[in-house]
Amino acid sequence: MACDLWLVPLVDVLCHSPDNPFAEEIAVYDKALTEAGLPPVPVYAYMPGLTGDVAPVAGFDYDALHFLRRAYLLQLSGLAVTPVDELGGDYEQLLEMFEQSAQESHLVWHYDHAGAYVPVDFPRPLSDDQLLEGGGPLGSSHGLLRELEFVAPSIGIDPANPPAAPVPPAGPTTLEEPAAPVPYDNSPFARERHVWLGLHAAATRSLAQGSMIIFS
């Protein structure tokens, strides 16, 4: 099944518009951030080159996202990061054995069909009843980028000089729609690398542009 990542520019032309489609979500995120003693979602008066248009930044399939999460948990736990052809019981065992670590990970503890990452730095995902009823735990773009850089070497990526990011989807895909094929990569971690590159592009642009990352 296909999973899209979109960037939502946090600029006043969008966020202060009465027609802002993300107003309710941002209000929930602001509440969770404030209760954690953090600043609210930043909204910028002006960002050169940004008009407030929401645009896709990456696309991949759900299984591949879990492949990357599995690699991260293995690396974090000091276990060998090995390639797999399909998700098996070992991933569920990892989630159970290292539940605390998983819940403190911006990469792992995040709904893969909804939710957001915001350009505010905090050590672990935020969660409350409102967040869990909506898009799930709220992640930090800073935290996501740190975790991507941590897991990168185990799947053959130099985080200081990664390959070019894949071309983003031309438009939205549906849950039932198959994800676009992974570009040719002779690595045994081709699927993990494809997701890594998409998430890395989203995280770096989120921080550089002041954008929110959303799953759809």
N, C-alpha and C. Protein backbone atom coordinates (compact mmCIF):
# COMPACT_ATOMS: atom_id res chain seq x y z
N MET A 1 0.84 -1.19 0.00
CA MET A 1 0.00 0.00 0.00
C MET A 1 0.88 1.25 0.00
N ALA A 2 0.39 2.27 -0.65
CA ALA A 2 1.18 3.48 -0.82
C ALA A 2 1.07 4.40 0.39
N CYS A 3 2.16 5.09 0.67
CA CYS A 3 2.23 6.06 1.75
C CYS A 3 2.88 7.32 1.19
N ASP A 4 2.25 8.45 1.37
CA ASP A 4 2.79 9.72 0.87
C ASP A 4 3.24 10.59 2.04
N LEU A 5 4.31 11.36 1.80
CA LEU A 5 4.74 12.40 2.71
C LEU A 5 4.54 13.74 2.04
N TRP A 6 3.94 14.68 2.77
CA TRP A 6 3.69 16.01 2.23
C TRP A 6 4.33 17.06 3.13
N LEU A 7 4.74 18.16 2.54
CA LEU A 7 5.27 19.29 3.29
C LEU A 7 4.21 20.39 3.35
N VAL A 8 3.97 20.87 4.56
CA VAL A 8 3.02 21.96 4.77
C VAL A 8 3.82 23.18 5.22
N PRO A 9 4.02 24.18 4.36
CA PRO A 9 4.79 25.37 4.76
C PRO A 9 4.11 26.10 5.91
N LEU A 10 4.85 26.36 6.96
CA LEU A 10 4.29 27.03 8.13
C LEU A 10 4.45 28.54 7.98
N VAL A 11 3.75 29.07 7.00
CA VAL A 11 3.80 30.50 6.70
C VAL A 11 2.42 31.11 6.92
N ASP A 12 2.42 32.41 7.21
CA ASP A 12 1.16 33.05 7.57
C ASP A 12 0.12 33.02 6.46
N VAL A 13 0.58 33.00 5.20
CA VAL A 13 -0.37 33.00 4.09
C VAL A 13 -1.26 31.76 4.14
N LEU A 14 -0.76 30.67 4.72
CA LEU A 14 -1.56 29.46 4.89
C LEU A 14 -2.13 29.38 6.30
N CYS A 15 -1.26 29.48 7.30
CA CYS A 15 -1.67 29.21 8.69
C CYS A 15 -2.64 30.24 9.24
N HIS A 16 -2.55 31.48 8.78
CA HIS A 16 -3.46 32.52 9.29
C HIS A 16 -4.67 32.73 8.39
N SER A 17 -4.79 31.89 7.39
CA SER A 17 -5.95 31.99 6.50
C SER A 17 -7.17 31.36 7.18
N PRO A 18 -8.34 31.98 7.06
CA PRO A 18 -9.55 31.37 7.64
C PRO A 18 -9.88 30.03 7.00
N ASP A 19 -9.31 29.77 5.83
CA ASP A 19 -9.57 28.51 5.14
C ASP A 19 -8.46 27.48 5.38
N ASN A 20 -7.57 27.73 6.34
CA ASN A 20 -6.47 26.81 6.61
C ASN A 20 -7.01 25.42 6.94
N PRO A 21 -6.73 24.42 6.09
CA PRO A 21 -7.28 23.08 6.34
C PRO A 21 -6.59 22.36 7.50
N PHE A 22 -5.48 22.92 8.01
CA PHE A 22 -4.74 22.27 9.09
C PHE A 22 -4.92 22.98 10.43
N ALA A 23 -5.87 23.90 10.49
CA ALA A 23 -6.05 24.71 11.71
C ALA A 23 -6.31 23.84 12.94
N GLU A 24 -7.20 22.87 12.82
CA GLU A 24 -7.54 22.04 13.99
C GLU A 24 -6.34 21.21 14.43
N GLU A 25 -5.62 20.63 13.45
CA GLU A 25 -4.45 19.82 13.80
C GLU A 25 -3.39 20.67 14.49
N ILE A 26 -3.13 21.86 13.95
CA ILE A 26 -2.10 22.71 14.54
C ILE A 26 -2.49 23.13 15.96
N ALA A 27 -3.77 23.36 16.20
CA ALA A 27 -4.23 23.71 17.55
C ALA A 27 -3.96 22.56 18.52
N VAL A 28 -4.18 21.32 18.08
CA VAL A 28 -3.91 20.15 18.93
C VAL A 28 -2.41 20.03 19.18
N TYR A 29 -1.59 20.27 18.13
CA TYR A 29 -0.14 20.19 18.30
C TYR A 29 0.35 21.28 19.24
N ASP A 30 -0.19 22.48 19.10
CA ASP A 30 0.21 23.58 19.98
C ASP A 30 -0.09 23.24 21.44
N LYS A 31 -1.25 22.65 21.69
CA LYS A 31 -1.63 22.28 23.06
C LYS A 31 -0.63 21.27 23.63
N ALA A 32 -0.29 20.24 22.84
CA ALA A 32 0.64 19.21 23.31
C ALA A 32 2.03 19.80 23.55
N LEU A 33 2.47 20.67 22.65
CA LEU A 33 3.78 21.30 22.81
C LEU A 33 3.82 22.19 24.05
N THR A 34 2.78 23.00 24.23
CA THR A 34 2.73 23.91 25.38
C THR A 34 2.73 23.14 26.69
N GLU A 35 1.96 22.05 26.75
CA GLU A 35 1.90 21.25 27.98
C GLU A 35 3.23 20.59 28.28
N ALA A 36 4.06 20.39 27.24
CA ALA A 36 5.39 19.81 27.44
C ALA A 36 6.45 20.88 27.69
N GLY A 37 6.01 22.14 27.81
CA GLY A 37 6.94 23.23 28.07
C GLY A 37 7.75 23.64 26.85
N LEU A 38 7.20 23.38 25.68
CA LEU A 38 7.89 23.68 24.43
C LEU A 38 7.20 24.82 23.71
N PRO A 39 7.91 25.48 22.77
CA PRO A 39 7.26 26.54 21.99
C PRO A 39 6.22 25.94 21.04
N PRO A 40 5.23 26.73 20.64
CA PRO A 40 4.21 26.22 19.71
C PRO A 40 4.78 26.00 18.32
N VAL A 41 3.96 25.43 17.46
CA VAL A 41 4.36 25.26 16.07
C VAL A 41 4.72 26.63 15.49
N PRO A 42 5.92 26.78 14.95
CA PRO A 42 6.33 28.10 14.45
C PRO A 42 5.59 28.47 13.17
N VAL A 43 5.15 29.70 13.11
CA VAL A 43 4.52 30.23 11.89
C VAL A 43 5.32 31.46 11.48
N TYR A 44 5.77 31.47 10.24
CA TYR A 44 6.67 32.51 9.76
C TYR A 44 5.91 33.56 8.93
N ALA A 45 6.30 34.80 9.14
CA ALA A 45 5.64 35.88 8.41
C ALA A 45 5.99 35.84 6.93
N TYR A 46 7.21 35.38 6.64
CA TYR A 46 7.62 35.33 5.23
C TYR A 46 8.77 34.35 5.08
N MET A 47 8.69 33.50 4.08
CA MET A 47 9.79 32.59 3.74
C MET A 47 10.01 32.71 2.25
N PRO A 48 11.18 33.16 1.81
CA PRO A 48 11.44 33.31 0.37
C PRO A 48 11.16 32.01 -0.38
N GLY A 49 10.41 32.14 -1.45
CA GLY A 49 10.14 31.00 -2.31
C GLY A 49 8.96 30.16 -1.89
N LEU A 50 8.38 30.42 -0.71
CA LEU A 50 7.24 29.62 -0.26
C LEU A 50 5.96 30.42 -0.38
N THR A 51 4.95 29.80 -0.96
CA THR A 51 3.68 30.47 -1.16
C THR A 51 2.59 29.97 -0.23
N GLY A 52 2.89 28.90 0.48
CA GLY A 52 1.86 28.27 1.30
C GLY A 52 1.27 27.05 0.63
N ASP A 53 1.76 26.70 -0.55
CA ASP A 53 1.25 25.51 -1.23
C ASP A 53 1.74 24.25 -0.54
N VAL A 54 0.83 23.30 -0.34
CA VAL A 54 1.16 22.00 0.23
C VAL A 54 1.57 21.09 -0.92
N ALA A 55 2.71 20.39 -0.77
CA ALA A 55 3.23 19.61 -1.90
C ALA A 55 3.80 18.28 -1.42
N PRO A 56 3.69 17.24 -2.25
CA PRO A 56 4.30 15.95 -1.88
C PRO A 56 5.82 16.04 -1.92
N VAL A 57 6.46 15.32 -1.01
CA VAL A 57 7.92 15.32 -0.98
C VAL A 57 8.49 13.91 -1.16
N ALA A 58 7.70 12.88 -0.84
CA ALA A 58 8.19 11.50 -0.98
C ALA A 58 7.02 10.53 -0.99
N GLY A 59 7.29 9.35 -1.49
CA GLY A 59 6.29 8.28 -1.50
C GLY A 59 6.98 6.93 -1.41
N PHE A 60 6.36 6.01 -0.68
CA PHE A 60 6.92 4.66 -0.54
C PHE A 60 5.80 3.75 -0.02
N ASP A 61 6.10 2.47 0.18
CA ASP A 61 5.04 1.60 0.69
C ASP A 61 5.21 1.35 2.18
N TYR A 62 4.11 0.98 2.82
CA TYR A 62 4.10 0.81 4.26
C TYR A 62 5.10 -0.25 4.73
N ASP A 63 5.16 -1.37 4.03
CA ASP A 63 6.08 -2.42 4.46
C ASP A 63 7.52 -1.91 4.48
N ALA A 64 7.90 -1.14 3.46
CA ALA A 64 9.26 -0.62 3.40
C ALA A 64 9.54 0.32 4.58
N LEU A 65 8.54 1.09 4.99
CA LEU A 65 8.71 1.95 6.16
C LEU A 65 8.99 1.11 7.40
N HIS A 66 8.27 0.00 7.56
CA HIS A 66 8.51 -0.87 8.70
C HIS A 66 9.86 -1.58 8.59
N PHE A 67 10.32 -1.86 7.37
CA PHE A 67 11.65 -2.42 7.18
C PHE A 67 12.69 -1.47 7.78
N LEU A 68 12.55 -0.18 7.49
CA LEU A 68 13.51 0.80 8.00
C LEU A 68 13.39 0.91 9.52
N ARG A 69 12.19 0.89 10.05
CA ARG A 69 12.01 0.93 11.50
C ARG A 69 12.66 -0.29 12.15
N ARG A 70 12.52 -1.44 11.52
CA ARG A 70 13.17 -2.65 12.03
C ARG A 70 14.68 -2.47 12.07
N ALA A 71 15.26 -1.94 10.98
CA ALA A 71 16.71 -1.72 10.94
C ALA A 71 17.14 -0.78 12.06
N TYR A 72 16.35 0.27 12.30
CA TYR A 72 16.70 1.22 13.36
C TYR A 72 16.70 0.54 14.73
N LEU A 73 15.67 -0.24 15.03
CA LEU A 73 15.60 -0.92 16.32
C LEU A 73 16.76 -1.90 16.49
N LEU A 74 17.10 -2.62 15.43
CA LEU A 74 18.24 -3.54 15.50
C LEU A 74 19.52 -2.77 15.80
N GLN A 75 19.75 -1.69 15.07
CA GLN A 75 20.95 -0.88 15.27
C GLN A 75 20.98 -0.30 16.68
N LEU A 76 19.86 0.21 17.14
CA LEU A 76 19.78 0.83 18.47
C LEU A 76 20.05 -0.19 19.56
N SER A 77 19.65 -1.43 19.33
CA SER A 77 19.78 -2.47 20.34
C SER A 77 21.11 -3.20 20.27
N GLY A 78 21.97 -2.80 19.34
CA GLY A 78 23.27 -3.44 19.20
C GLY A 78 23.24 -4.79 18.53
N LEU A 79 22.16 -5.07 17.82
CA LEU A 79 22.04 -6.34 17.10
C LEU A 79 22.42 -6.14 15.63
N ALA A 80 22.74 -7.24 14.97
CA ALA A 80 23.13 -7.17 13.57
C ALA A 80 21.95 -6.73 12.71
N VAL A 81 22.19 -5.78 11.83
CA VAL A 81 21.14 -5.32 10.91
C VAL A 81 21.23 -6.17 9.66
N THR A 82 20.25 -7.03 9.49
CA THR A 82 20.23 -7.97 8.38
C THR A 82 19.06 -7.66 7.45
N PRO A 83 19.23 -7.87 6.14
CA PRO A 83 18.11 -7.64 5.22
C PRO A 83 17.07 -8.74 5.32
N VAL A 84 15.83 -8.39 5.01
CA VAL A 84 14.73 -9.36 4.97
C VAL A 84 13.89 -9.11 3.73
N ASP A 85 13.19 -10.15 3.29
CA ASP A 85 12.32 -10.02 2.12
C ASP A 85 10.90 -9.64 2.51
N GLU A 86 10.52 -9.96 3.74
CA GLU A 86 9.18 -9.61 4.20
C GLU A 86 9.20 -9.46 5.71
N LEU A 87 8.21 -8.74 6.21
CA LEU A 87 8.13 -8.55 7.66
C LEU A 87 7.70 -9.85 8.32
N GLY A 88 8.44 -10.23 9.34
CA GLY A 88 8.11 -11.46 10.04
C GLY A 88 7.95 -11.22 11.52
N GLY A 89 7.96 -12.30 12.26
CA GLY A 89 7.77 -12.22 13.70
C GLY A 89 8.88 -11.51 14.43
N ASP A 90 10.07 -11.45 13.82
CA ASP A 90 11.18 -10.82 14.53
C ASP A 90 10.93 -9.33 14.75
N TYR A 91 10.21 -8.70 13.81
CA TYR A 91 9.91 -7.27 13.98
C TYR A 91 8.96 -7.06 15.15
N GLU A 92 7.93 -7.91 15.24
CA GLU A 92 7.00 -7.81 16.37
C GLU A 92 7.73 -8.07 17.69
N GLN A 93 8.67 -9.02 17.67
CA GLN A 93 9.44 -9.31 18.88
C GLN A 93 10.30 -8.12 19.28
N LEU A 94 10.90 -7.45 18.28
CA LEU A 94 11.70 -6.26 18.56
C LEU A 94 10.85 -5.18 19.21
N LEU A 95 9.65 -4.97 18.67
CA LEU A 95 8.76 -3.95 19.22
C LEU A 95 8.38 -4.26 20.67
N GLU A 96 8.22 -5.56 20.96
CA GLU A 96 7.86 -5.96 22.33
C GLU A 96 9.07 -5.89 23.26
N MET A 97 10.22 -6.39 22.79
CA MET A 97 11.41 -6.44 23.64
C MET A 97 11.94 -5.04 23.95
N PHE A 98 11.84 -4.17 22.97
CA PHE A 98 12.40 -2.83 23.13
C PHE A 98 11.30 -1.78 23.03
N GLU A 99 10.19 -2.07 23.73
CA GLU A 99 9.01 -1.20 23.67
C GLU A 99 9.34 0.22 24.11
N GLN A 100 10.12 0.36 25.19
CA GLN A 100 10.45 1.69 25.68
C GLN A 100 11.25 2.47 24.65
N SER A 101 12.24 1.81 24.04
CA SER A 101 13.05 2.47 23.01
C SER A 101 12.20 2.83 21.81
N ALA A 102 11.28 1.95 21.44
CA ALA A 102 10.41 2.22 20.29
C ALA A 102 9.53 3.44 20.56
N GLN A 103 9.01 3.56 21.78
CA GLN A 103 8.12 4.67 22.10
C GLN A 103 8.87 5.99 22.27
N GLU A 104 10.19 5.93 22.36
CA GLU A 104 10.98 7.15 22.45
C GLU A 104 11.60 7.53 21.11
N SER A 105 11.22 6.80 20.06
CA SER A 105 11.80 7.03 18.73
C SER A 105 10.83 7.79 17.84
N HIS A 106 11.30 8.88 17.25
CA HIS A 106 10.48 9.66 16.32
C HIS A 106 10.23 8.86 15.04
N LEU A 107 11.18 8.03 14.66
CA LEU A 107 11.03 7.22 13.44
C LEU A 107 10.06 6.07 13.65
N VAL A 108 10.18 5.40 14.79
CA VAL A 108 9.40 4.16 15.02
C VAL A 108 8.01 4.45 15.56
N TRP A 109 7.91 5.30 16.58
CA TRP A 109 6.62 5.48 17.25
C TRP A 109 5.84 6.62 16.59
N HIS A 110 5.26 6.29 15.47
CA HIS A 110 4.53 7.28 14.69
C HIS A 110 3.57 6.53 13.79
N TYR A 111 2.33 6.98 13.73
CA TYR A 111 1.38 6.33 12.82
C TYR A 111 1.89 6.47 11.39
N ASP A 112 1.76 5.41 10.61
CA ASP A 112 2.29 5.46 9.25
C ASP A 112 1.22 5.82 8.22
N HIS A 113 0.08 6.30 8.67
CA HIS A 113 -0.96 6.71 7.73
C HIS A 113 -1.50 8.09 8.08
N ALA A 114 -0.98 8.71 9.15
CA ALA A 114 -1.47 10.01 9.59
C ALA A 114 -0.43 10.61 10.52
N GLY A 115 -0.74 11.76 11.09
CA GLY A 115 0.19 12.37 12.04
C GLY A 115 1.17 13.31 11.37
N ALA A 116 2.07 13.88 12.18
CA ALA A 116 2.94 14.92 11.66
C ALA A 116 4.26 14.97 12.40
N TYR A 117 5.22 15.60 11.73
CA TYR A 117 6.48 16.02 12.34
C TYR A 117 6.53 17.54 12.22
N VAL A 118 6.91 18.22 13.30
CA VAL A 118 6.98 19.67 13.28
C VAL A 118 8.43 20.11 13.52
N PRO A 119 8.82 21.28 12.98
CA PRO A 119 10.20 21.75 13.14
C PRO A 119 10.45 22.39 14.51
N VAL A 120 10.21 21.60 15.54
CA VAL A 120 10.49 21.99 16.92
C VAL A 120 11.30 20.84 17.52
N ASP A 121 12.38 21.14 18.22
CA ASP A 121 13.27 20.10 18.73
C ASP A 121 12.83 19.64 20.11
N PHE A 122 12.50 18.35 20.22
CA PHE A 122 12.22 17.74 21.52
C PHE A 122 12.70 16.30 21.48
N PRO A 123 13.08 15.74 22.64
CA PRO A 123 13.82 14.47 22.64
C PRO A 123 13.02 13.24 22.24
N ARG A 124 11.75 13.19 22.58
CA ARG A 124 10.95 12.00 22.26
C ARG A 124 9.56 12.43 21.79
N PRO A 125 8.87 11.56 21.04
CA PRO A 125 7.55 11.95 20.52
C PRO A 125 6.59 12.34 21.65
N LEU A 126 5.70 13.28 21.33
CA LEU A 126 4.69 13.71 22.29
C LEU A 126 3.40 12.92 22.05
N SER A 127 2.71 12.64 23.15
CA SER A 127 1.47 11.87 23.02
C SER A 127 0.49 12.28 24.11
N ASP A 128 -0.76 12.45 23.73
CA ASP A 128 -1.85 12.62 24.68
C ASP A 128 -3.11 12.07 24.02
N ASP A 129 -4.22 12.12 24.74
CA ASP A 129 -5.44 11.51 24.22
C ASP A 129 -5.87 12.13 22.90
N GLN A 130 -5.78 13.45 22.80
CA GLN A 130 -6.20 14.11 21.56
C GLN A 130 -5.33 13.71 20.39
N LEU A 131 -4.02 13.63 20.60
CA LEU A 131 -3.12 13.23 19.53
C LEU A 131 -3.41 11.79 19.09
N LEU A 132 -3.59 10.90 20.06
CA LEU A 132 -3.81 9.49 19.72
C LEU A 132 -5.15 9.28 19.04
N GLU A 133 -6.14 10.11 19.35
CA GLU A 133 -7.44 9.99 18.69
C GLU A 133 -7.38 10.52 17.26
N GLY A 134 -6.42 11.37 16.99
CA GLY A 134 -6.30 11.95 15.65
C GLY A 134 -5.20 11.29 14.85
N GLY A 135 -4.06 11.99 14.76
CA GLY A 135 -3.00 11.48 13.90
C GLY A 135 -1.94 10.67 14.60
N GLY A 136 -2.05 10.46 15.92
CA GLY A 136 -1.04 9.69 16.61
C GLY A 136 0.02 10.58 17.22
N PRO A 137 1.08 9.97 17.77
CA PRO A 137 2.13 10.75 18.42
C PRO A 137 2.69 11.83 17.49
N LEU A 138 3.07 12.96 18.09
CA LEU A 138 3.63 14.07 17.33
C LEU A 138 5.15 13.97 17.36
N GLY A 139 5.76 13.97 16.18
CA GLY A 139 7.20 13.84 16.09
C GLY A 139 7.90 15.16 15.82
N SER A 140 9.20 15.17 16.08
CA SER A 140 10.06 16.32 15.82
C SER A 140 10.87 16.07 14.56
N SER A 141 10.90 17.05 13.66
CA SER A 141 11.73 16.91 12.46
C SER A 141 13.20 16.80 12.83
N HIS A 142 13.61 17.52 13.89
CA HIS A 142 15.00 17.41 14.36
C HIS A 142 15.29 15.98 14.83
N GLY A 143 14.38 15.44 15.65
CA GLY A 143 14.56 14.09 16.16
C GLY A 143 14.58 13.06 15.06
N LEU A 144 13.68 13.20 14.08
CA LEU A 144 13.63 12.27 12.96
C LEU A 144 14.96 12.30 12.20
N LEU A 145 15.49 13.49 11.96
CA LEU A 145 16.75 13.60 11.22
C LEU A 145 17.89 12.95 11.99
N ARG A 146 17.95 13.14 13.29
CA ARG A 146 19.01 12.51 14.10
C ARG A 146 18.94 10.99 13.99
N GLU A 147 17.74 10.43 14.04
CA GLU A 147 17.59 8.98 13.99
C GLU A 147 17.92 8.43 12.60
N LEU A 148 17.56 9.18 11.57
CA LEU A 148 17.92 8.77 10.22
C LEU A 148 19.44 8.74 10.05
N GLU A 149 20.12 9.75 10.58
CA GLU A 149 21.57 9.78 10.48
C GLU A 149 22.20 8.64 11.27
N PHE A 150 21.57 8.25 12.38
CA PHE A 150 22.08 7.14 13.20
C PHE A 150 21.98 5.81 12.46
N VAL A 151 20.86 5.55 11.80
CA VAL A 151 20.65 4.25 11.17
C VAL A 151 21.29 4.16 9.79
N ALA A 152 21.62 5.29 9.19
CA ALA A 152 22.10 5.31 7.80
C ALA A 152 23.26 4.36 7.52
N PRO A 153 24.35 4.36 8.31
CA PRO A 153 25.48 3.48 7.96
C PRO A 153 25.12 2.00 7.92
N SER A 154 24.16 1.58 8.72
CA SER A 154 23.80 0.16 8.77
C SER A 154 23.10 -0.31 7.51
N ILE A 155 22.58 0.63 6.70
CA ILE A 155 21.95 0.25 5.44
C ILE A 155 22.75 0.79 4.24
N GLY A 156 24.00 1.14 4.51
CA GLY A 156 24.91 1.50 3.42
C GLY A 156 24.79 2.92 2.92
N ILE A 157 24.36 3.85 3.76
CA ILE A 157 24.24 5.26 3.35
C ILE A 157 25.18 6.10 4.21
N ASP A 158 25.93 6.97 3.56
CA ASP A 158 26.74 7.95 4.27
C ASP A 158 25.85 9.16 4.55
N PRO A 159 25.49 9.39 5.81
CA PRO A 159 24.54 10.49 6.09
C PRO A 159 25.10 11.86 5.75
N ALA A 160 26.42 11.97 5.67
CA ALA A 160 27.03 13.26 5.32
C ALA A 160 27.02 13.50 3.81
N ASN A 161 26.82 12.43 3.05
CA ASN A 161 26.81 12.56 1.59
C ASN A 161 25.85 11.52 1.00
N PRO A 162 24.55 11.66 1.28
CA PRO A 162 23.59 10.65 0.83
C PRO A 162 23.33 10.75 -0.67
N PRO A 163 22.83 9.67 -1.28
CA PRO A 163 22.42 9.74 -2.69
C PRO A 163 21.28 10.74 -2.86
N ALA A 164 21.02 11.08 -4.10
CA ALA A 164 19.92 12.01 -4.40
C ALA A 164 18.60 11.39 -3.97
N ALA A 165 17.71 12.23 -3.51
CA ALA A 165 16.39 11.76 -3.09
C ALA A 165 15.57 11.34 -4.30
N PRO A 166 14.70 10.35 -4.14
CA PRO A 166 13.82 9.94 -5.25
C PRO A 166 12.88 11.08 -5.65
N VAL A 167 12.38 11.00 -6.86
CA VAL A 167 11.41 11.99 -7.34
C VAL A 167 10.12 11.82 -6.54
N PRO A 168 9.54 12.90 -6.01
CA PRO A 168 8.30 12.76 -5.23
C PRO A 168 7.13 12.37 -6.13
N PRO A 169 6.07 11.85 -5.55
CA PRO A 169 4.89 11.50 -6.34
C PRO A 169 4.33 12.73 -7.05
N ALA A 170 3.75 12.51 -8.20
CA ALA A 170 3.17 13.63 -8.95
C ALA A 170 1.91 14.16 -8.28
N GLY A 171 1.25 13.30 -7.51
CA GLY A 171 0.02 13.70 -6.84
C GLY A 171 -0.30 12.70 -5.75
N PRO A 172 -1.41 12.88 -5.04
CA PRO A 172 -1.74 11.98 -3.94
C PRO A 172 -2.07 10.58 -4.41
N THR A 173 -1.73 9.59 -3.58
CA THR A 173 -2.10 8.21 -3.85
C THR A 173 -3.07 7.76 -2.76
N THR A 174 -3.82 6.74 -3.06
CA THR A 174 -4.78 6.22 -2.09
C THR A 174 -4.17 5.05 -1.32
N LEU A 175 -4.80 4.73 -0.18
CA LEU A 175 -4.30 3.63 0.64
C LEU A 175 -4.25 2.32 -0.13
N GLU A 176 -5.26 2.08 -0.96
CA GLU A 176 -5.35 0.81 -1.67
C GLU A 176 -4.43 0.75 -2.89
N GLU A 177 -3.92 1.90 -3.28
CA GLU A 177 -3.10 1.97 -4.48
C GLU A 177 -1.69 1.43 -4.19
N PRO A 178 -1.13 0.62 -5.09
CA PRO A 178 0.25 0.16 -4.85
C PRO A 178 1.23 1.31 -4.93
N ALA A 179 2.28 1.23 -4.13
CA ALA A 179 3.31 2.25 -4.17
C ALA A 179 4.10 2.15 -5.47
N ALA A 180 4.70 3.26 -5.87
CA ALA A 180 5.53 3.26 -7.07
C ALA A 180 6.72 2.32 -6.87
N PRO A 181 7.20 1.70 -7.93
CA PRO A 181 8.34 0.78 -7.79
C PRO A 181 9.57 1.51 -7.23
N VAL A 182 10.35 0.77 -6.45
CA VAL A 182 11.60 1.32 -5.93
C VAL A 182 12.61 1.43 -7.07
N PRO A 183 13.26 2.58 -7.24
CA PRO A 183 14.28 2.70 -8.28
C PRO A 183 15.36 1.64 -8.10
N TYR A 184 16.00 1.26 -9.19
CA TYR A 184 17.00 0.21 -9.13
C TYR A 184 18.09 0.55 -8.11
N ASP A 185 18.38 -0.41 -7.25
CA ASP A 185 19.43 -0.27 -6.25
C ASP A 185 19.88 -1.69 -5.94
N ASN A 186 21.13 -2.01 -6.20
CA ASN A 186 21.58 -3.39 -6.02
C ASN A 186 21.91 -3.73 -4.57
N SER A 187 21.60 -2.83 -3.64
CA SER A 187 21.82 -3.11 -2.22
C SER A 187 20.76 -4.06 -1.70
N PRO A 188 21.13 -4.96 -0.77
CA PRO A 188 20.10 -5.81 -0.14
C PRO A 188 19.13 -5.00 0.72
N PHE A 189 19.47 -3.74 0.98
CA PHE A 189 18.60 -2.85 1.75
C PHE A 189 17.94 -1.81 0.84
N ALA A 190 17.64 -2.18 -0.38
CA ALA A 190 17.11 -1.22 -1.35
C ALA A 190 15.82 -0.56 -0.85
N ARG A 191 14.93 -1.32 -0.26
CA ARG A 191 13.66 -0.76 0.18
C ARG A 191 13.85 0.17 1.37
N GLU A 192 14.70 -0.25 2.32
CA GLU A 192 14.99 0.62 3.46
C GLU A 192 15.64 1.93 3.00
N ARG A 193 16.54 1.83 2.05
CA ARG A 193 17.26 3.01 1.56
C ARG A 193 16.30 3.97 0.85
N HIS A 194 15.35 3.41 0.11
CA HIS A 194 14.38 4.24 -0.60
C HIS A 194 13.55 5.07 0.40
N VAL A 195 13.09 4.42 1.46
CA VAL A 195 12.32 5.13 2.48
C VAL A 195 13.21 6.15 3.20
N TRP A 196 14.44 5.74 3.52
CA TRP A 196 15.37 6.64 4.21
C TRP A 196 15.55 7.93 3.40
N LEU A 197 15.77 7.78 2.11
CA LEU A 197 16.01 8.96 1.28
C LEU A 197 14.79 9.88 1.24
N GLY A 198 13.59 9.30 1.19
CA GLY A 198 12.38 10.11 1.20
C GLY A 198 12.18 10.83 2.52
N LEU A 199 12.38 10.12 3.63
CA LEU A 199 12.24 10.75 4.95
C LEU A 199 13.32 11.80 5.18
N HIS A 200 14.52 11.52 4.70
CA HIS A 200 15.62 12.47 4.87
C HIS A 200 15.34 13.76 4.09
N ALA A 201 14.83 13.61 2.88
CA ALA A 201 14.47 14.81 2.10
C ALA A 201 13.40 15.61 2.81
N ALA A 202 12.41 14.91 3.38
CA ALA A 202 11.33 15.61 4.09
C ALA A 202 11.86 16.32 5.33
N ALA A 203 12.71 15.64 6.11
CA ALA A 203 13.21 16.22 7.36
C ALA A 203 14.10 17.42 7.09
N THR A 204 15.01 17.30 6.12
CA THR A 204 15.92 18.42 5.86
C THR A 204 15.16 19.62 5.30
N ARG A 205 14.18 19.38 4.46
CA ARG A 205 13.40 20.49 3.92
C ARG A 205 12.49 21.09 4.99
N SER A 206 11.98 20.26 5.88
CA SER A 206 11.15 20.76 6.97
C SER A 206 11.94 21.76 7.80
N LEU A 207 13.18 21.44 8.10
CA LEU A 207 14.01 22.32 8.93
C LEU A 207 14.48 23.53 8.15
N ALA A 208 14.83 23.33 6.89
CA ALA A 208 15.36 24.45 6.09
C ALA A 208 14.28 25.46 5.74
N GLN A 209 13.06 24.96 5.47
CA GLN A 209 11.99 25.82 4.99
C GLN A 209 11.00 26.23 6.08
N GLY A 210 11.05 25.55 7.24
CA GLY A 210 10.04 25.81 8.24
C GLY A 210 8.72 25.20 7.84
N SER A 211 8.74 23.89 7.53
CA SER A 211 7.54 23.19 7.09
C SER A 211 7.21 22.05 8.03
N MET A 212 5.96 21.68 8.04
CA MET A 212 5.47 20.53 8.80
C MET A 212 5.39 19.35 7.84
N ILE A 213 5.77 18.17 8.31
CA ILE A 213 5.67 16.94 7.50
C ILE A 213 4.40 16.21 7.91
N ILE A 214 3.59 15.83 6.95
CA ILE A 214 2.40 15.04 7.27
C ILE A 214 2.39 13.76 6.44
N PHE A 215 1.87 12.70 7.02
CA PHE A 215 1.66 11.43 6.31
C PHE A 215 0.25 11.44 5.73
N SER A 216 0.10 10.82 4.58
CA SER A 216 -1.25 10.61 4.05
C SER A 216 -1.29 9.30 3.29
